[in-house]
Protein backbone atom coordinates (compact mmCIF):
# COMPACT_ATOMS: atom_id res chain seq x y z
CA MET A 1 92.47 69.15 82.03
CA SER A 2 91.31 72.59 81.88
CA GLU A 3 92.56 75.12 84.01
CA TRP A 4 89.32 76.87 83.12
CA PRO A 5 85.71 75.72 84.12
CA PHE A 6 84.25 76.89 81.11
CA GLU A 7 82.92 74.56 78.47
CA LYS A 8 83.78 76.95 75.16
CA ILE A 9 86.69 79.64 75.19
CA VAL A 10 87.13 82.54 72.69
CA ALA A 11 90.52 82.09 71.43
CA THR A 12 90.67 84.38 68.49
CA GLU A 13 90.14 87.74 67.77
CA GLU A 14 87.87 86.37 64.88
CA GLU A 15 85.61 84.75 67.36
CA LEU A 16 85.64 87.59 69.41
CA ARG A 17 84.36 89.84 66.81
CA ASN A 18 81.62 87.46 65.60
CA VAL A 19 80.28 88.08 69.09
CA ILE A 20 80.60 91.40 69.94
CA GLY A 21 81.20 92.79 66.45
CA THR A 22 83.20 96.27 65.60
CA PRO A 23 83.65 99.30 66.84
CA SER A 24 81.16 102.18 65.61
CA LYS A 25 82.93 105.35 63.51
CA VAL A 26 82.82 107.14 66.60
CA ALA A 27 84.57 104.45 68.85
CA ASN A 28 87.05 104.14 66.60
CA GLN A 29 87.84 108.47 66.23
CA LYS A 30 87.29 109.16 69.67
CA VAL A 31 90.82 108.67 70.83
CA VAL A 32 93.30 112.01 71.17
CA SER A 33 96.69 111.93 71.88
CA TYR A 34 97.19 114.55 74.24
CA LEU A 35 95.61 116.57 77.18
CA ASP A 36 93.31 118.80 75.39
CA HIS A 37 90.97 121.52 77.04
CA HIS A 38 88.37 119.08 77.78
CA CYS A 39 90.56 116.65 79.33
CA ARG A 40 92.14 119.34 81.24
CA SER A 41 88.79 120.30 82.40
CA PHE A 42 88.10 117.02 83.06
CA LEU A 43 91.25 116.09 85.29
CA ALA A 44 90.39 119.71 86.94
CA LEU A 45 87.00 118.26 88.59
CA SER A 46 88.28 114.61 89.52
CA PRO A 47 88.79 113.38 92.67
CA PHE A 48 89.45 109.73 92.08
CA VAL A 49 91.03 107.65 89.54
CA ILE A 50 92.07 103.79 89.21
CA ILE A 51 95.29 102.94 88.05
CA SER A 52 96.19 99.87 86.56
CA THR A 53 99.70 98.43 85.92
CA ALA A 54 101.38 95.23 85.58
CA ASN A 55 105.44 93.50 86.14
CA ASN A 56 107.60 92.41 83.52
CA SER A 57 105.57 88.93 83.62
CA GLY A 58 102.20 90.35 82.71
CA SER A 59 100.45 90.24 86.52
CA CYS A 60 98.32 92.54 86.92
CA ASP A 61 96.84 95.31 89.48
CA ALA A 62 94.76 97.64 89.69
CA SER A 63 94.83 100.67 92.75
CA PRO A 64 93.00 103.73 93.57
CA ARG A 65 94.01 107.06 94.33
CA GLY A 66 91.92 109.80 95.71
CA ASP A 67 92.33 113.18 96.89
CA GLN A 68 90.58 116.74 96.15
CA PRO A 69 89.14 117.80 92.78
CA GLY A 70 92.44 118.46 90.66
CA PHE A 71 94.98 116.44 92.53
CA VAL A 72 96.19 115.47 89.36
CA HIS A 73 98.87 118.15 88.19
CA VAL A 74 98.86 118.46 85.00
CA ILE A 75 102.48 119.41 83.31
CA ASP A 76 101.67 119.93 79.93
CA ASP A 77 99.63 118.44 76.87
CA HIS A 78 101.70 115.26 76.78
CA HIS A 79 102.68 114.63 81.04
CA LEU A 80 100.80 114.45 84.13
CA VAL A 81 102.06 113.33 87.77
CA ILE A 82 99.68 111.69 90.70
CA PRO A 83 101.12 112.29 94.01
CA GLU A 84 101.69 109.24 96.10
CA ARG A 85 100.12 109.94 99.35
CA PRO A 86 100.82 107.47 102.47
CA GLY A 87 99.70 104.05 102.00
CA ASN A 88 100.18 100.70 103.26
CA ARG A 89 104.00 100.69 102.03
CA ARG A 90 103.04 97.35 99.64
CA GLY A 91 104.27 99.66 96.69
CA ASP A 92 102.57 97.37 94.37
CA SER A 93 101.94 100.14 91.49
CA LEU A 94 105.18 101.80 91.80
CA THR A 95 107.47 98.68 91.78
CA ASN A 96 105.14 97.49 89.00
CA ILE A 97 106.52 100.47 86.63
CA MET A 98 109.86 100.53 87.32
CA LYS A 99 109.47 97.31 85.67
CA ASN A 100 106.96 97.97 83.36
CA PRO A 101 106.22 101.38 82.67
CA HIS A 102 102.81 100.79 81.06
CA ILE A 103 100.35 101.97 82.73
CA GLY A 104 96.06 102.92 82.13
CA LEU A 105 94.53 105.35 84.19
CA LEU A 106 90.74 105.41 84.57
CA PHE A 107 89.57 108.79 85.75
CA MET A 108 85.54 109.91 87.88
CA ILE A 109 83.96 112.07 88.87
CA PRO A 110 81.20 111.59 91.30
CA GLY A 111 77.84 111.74 89.73
CA LEU A 112 79.52 111.56 86.19
CA GLY A 113 78.30 108.26 84.33
CA GLU A 114 81.36 109.13 81.71
CA THR A 115 84.63 108.10 82.79
CA LEU A 116 87.89 109.17 81.07
CA ARG A 117 91.10 106.91 80.23
CA VAL A 118 94.18 107.84 80.04
CA ASN A 119 96.84 105.89 78.48
CA GLY A 120 100.73 106.09 78.66
CA LYS A 121 104.03 105.20 79.95
CA ALA A 122 104.58 106.11 83.91
CA CYS A 123 107.80 106.79 86.11
CA VAL A 124 108.13 106.94 89.87
CA THR A 125 109.60 110.47 90.46
CA THR A 126 111.23 112.56 93.36
CA ASP A 127 111.22 115.80 91.48
CA GLU A 128 110.60 118.15 94.60
CA ARG A 129 110.33 120.80 92.68
CA LEU A 130 106.71 119.44 91.25
CA LEU A 131 105.82 117.49 94.22
CA THR A 132 105.91 120.94 96.62
CA GLU A 133 103.09 121.90 94.64
CA MET A 134 101.21 119.11 95.59
CA ALA A 135 101.79 119.45 99.12
CA VAL A 136 98.72 118.90 101.72
CA ASN A 137 98.84 120.84 105.26
CA ASP A 138 102.33 121.08 104.57
CA ASN A 139 103.05 117.45 103.90
CA ILE A 140 104.76 116.68 100.32
CA PRO A 141 104.40 113.97 98.96
CA SER A 142 108.05 112.15 98.82
CA LEU A 143 107.30 110.49 95.63
CA GLY A 144 104.68 110.56 92.19
CA ILE A 145 103.90 109.12 89.75
CA GLY A 146 104.57 110.83 86.29
CA VAL A 147 102.60 109.80 83.35
CA LYS A 148 103.83 110.49 79.81
CA VAL A 149 100.23 110.31 77.94
CA GLU A 150 99.65 108.94 74.74
CA GLU A 151 95.88 108.01 74.73
CA CYS A 152 92.75 109.58 76.19
CA PHE A 153 88.98 109.28 75.46
CA ILE A 154 85.85 109.39 77.10
CA HIS A 155 84.34 105.67 78.42
CA CYS A 156 80.24 106.01 77.86
CA ALA A 157 78.28 105.46 81.06
CA LYS A 158 76.76 102.06 80.53
CA ALA A 159 78.69 100.31 83.34
CA PHE A 160 77.31 103.10 85.76
CA ILE A 161 73.57 103.30 84.67
CA ARG A 162 73.72 99.11 85.56
CA SER A 163 75.05 99.43 88.30
CA SER A 164 73.33 102.78 89.55
CA LEU A 165 76.57 103.24 91.35
CA TRP A 166 75.75 107.23 91.84
CA LYS A 167 71.87 106.50 93.28
CA PRO A 168 72.72 106.61 97.02
CA ASP A 169 68.93 105.88 97.56
CA LEU A 170 70.22 102.40 96.04
CA TRP A 171 73.41 101.68 98.45
CA LEU A 172 73.76 99.40 100.72
CA ASN A 173 72.64 100.38 104.38
CA ASN A 174 75.72 99.98 106.93
CA LYS A 175 74.50 97.44 108.62
CA ASP A 176 74.73 95.59 105.26
CA ARG A 177 77.36 96.45 104.55
CA PRO A 178 81.13 93.77 104.59
CA SER A 179 83.15 94.72 107.24
CA ALA A 180 86.35 95.46 106.25
CA ALA A 181 87.79 94.89 109.50
CA GLN A 182 86.43 91.43 109.56
CA ILE A 183 87.52 90.83 106.38
CA LEU A 184 91.12 92.13 107.07
CA LYS A 185 90.88 90.09 110.31
CA ASP A 186 90.13 86.81 108.53
CA HIS A 187 92.80 87.09 106.10
CA VAL A 188 95.61 88.04 107.95
CA LYS A 189 95.46 84.88 110.43
CA ASP A 190 96.50 86.51 113.60
CA ASN A 191 94.50 84.93 115.92
CA THR A 192 95.37 87.87 118.50
CA LEU A 193 93.74 90.35 116.59
CA THR A 194 89.60 90.86 116.97
CA GLU A 195 87.37 92.75 114.50
CA ASN A 196 87.68 95.24 116.78
CA ASP A 197 91.63 95.72 116.81
CA MET A 198 91.02 95.89 113.28
CA SER A 199 88.20 98.35 113.14
CA GLU A 200 90.50 101.02 115.51
CA LEU A 201 93.42 100.36 113.53
CA LEU A 202 91.57 101.22 110.31
CA LYS A 203 90.25 104.37 111.84
CA GLU A 204 93.40 105.31 113.02
CA SER A 205 95.39 105.21 109.68
CA TYR A 206 92.15 107.05 108.40
CA GLU A 207 92.57 109.83 110.58
CA LYS A 208 96.29 110.33 111.47
CA ARG A 209 97.79 108.96 108.25
CA LEU A 210 95.72 110.65 105.01
CA TYR A 211 99.09 112.62 104.12
């Protein structure tokens, strides 16, 4: 019995190309191998990035990082550092990187449909000289994700247009949004904790442990 509940599976690149076609000249030639002035300007304005990593067996993870615009530190045309702020201590991205250095980054600027994709290899660094430059409220990050840039390119805005992501008038009202506290309570399966307990834990984390 197949592991997939689909009647048809695309199994080869030839089959795939028969469906999606081939990329345009612009799509093929838009990739650059270093952080030029356009990429640097984009990073300076970006407060948010999605980090994609995988471990040595190929299991993947996507994790958000966010701070004030320009929080990602550009060292030179080929290297950048992402500060590691306090989180839940799972360390999924960090442990993946130590097993498999390949990394994909998707940088966003609120209100802008186009995103910047940066791919390369990563390491985990404790370089105090660099991390000190990324301190916030005198809190120096204890770790950073160093990235050796191999390719950069702009990704089109179609996903943002289709989703209306940057249109606040189409956002859900508070009462219609999922409750993160309730989801956590149900997933943790701890009957001693209520939704309100989880809400208070989240609130404390957001107010006291951002940096």
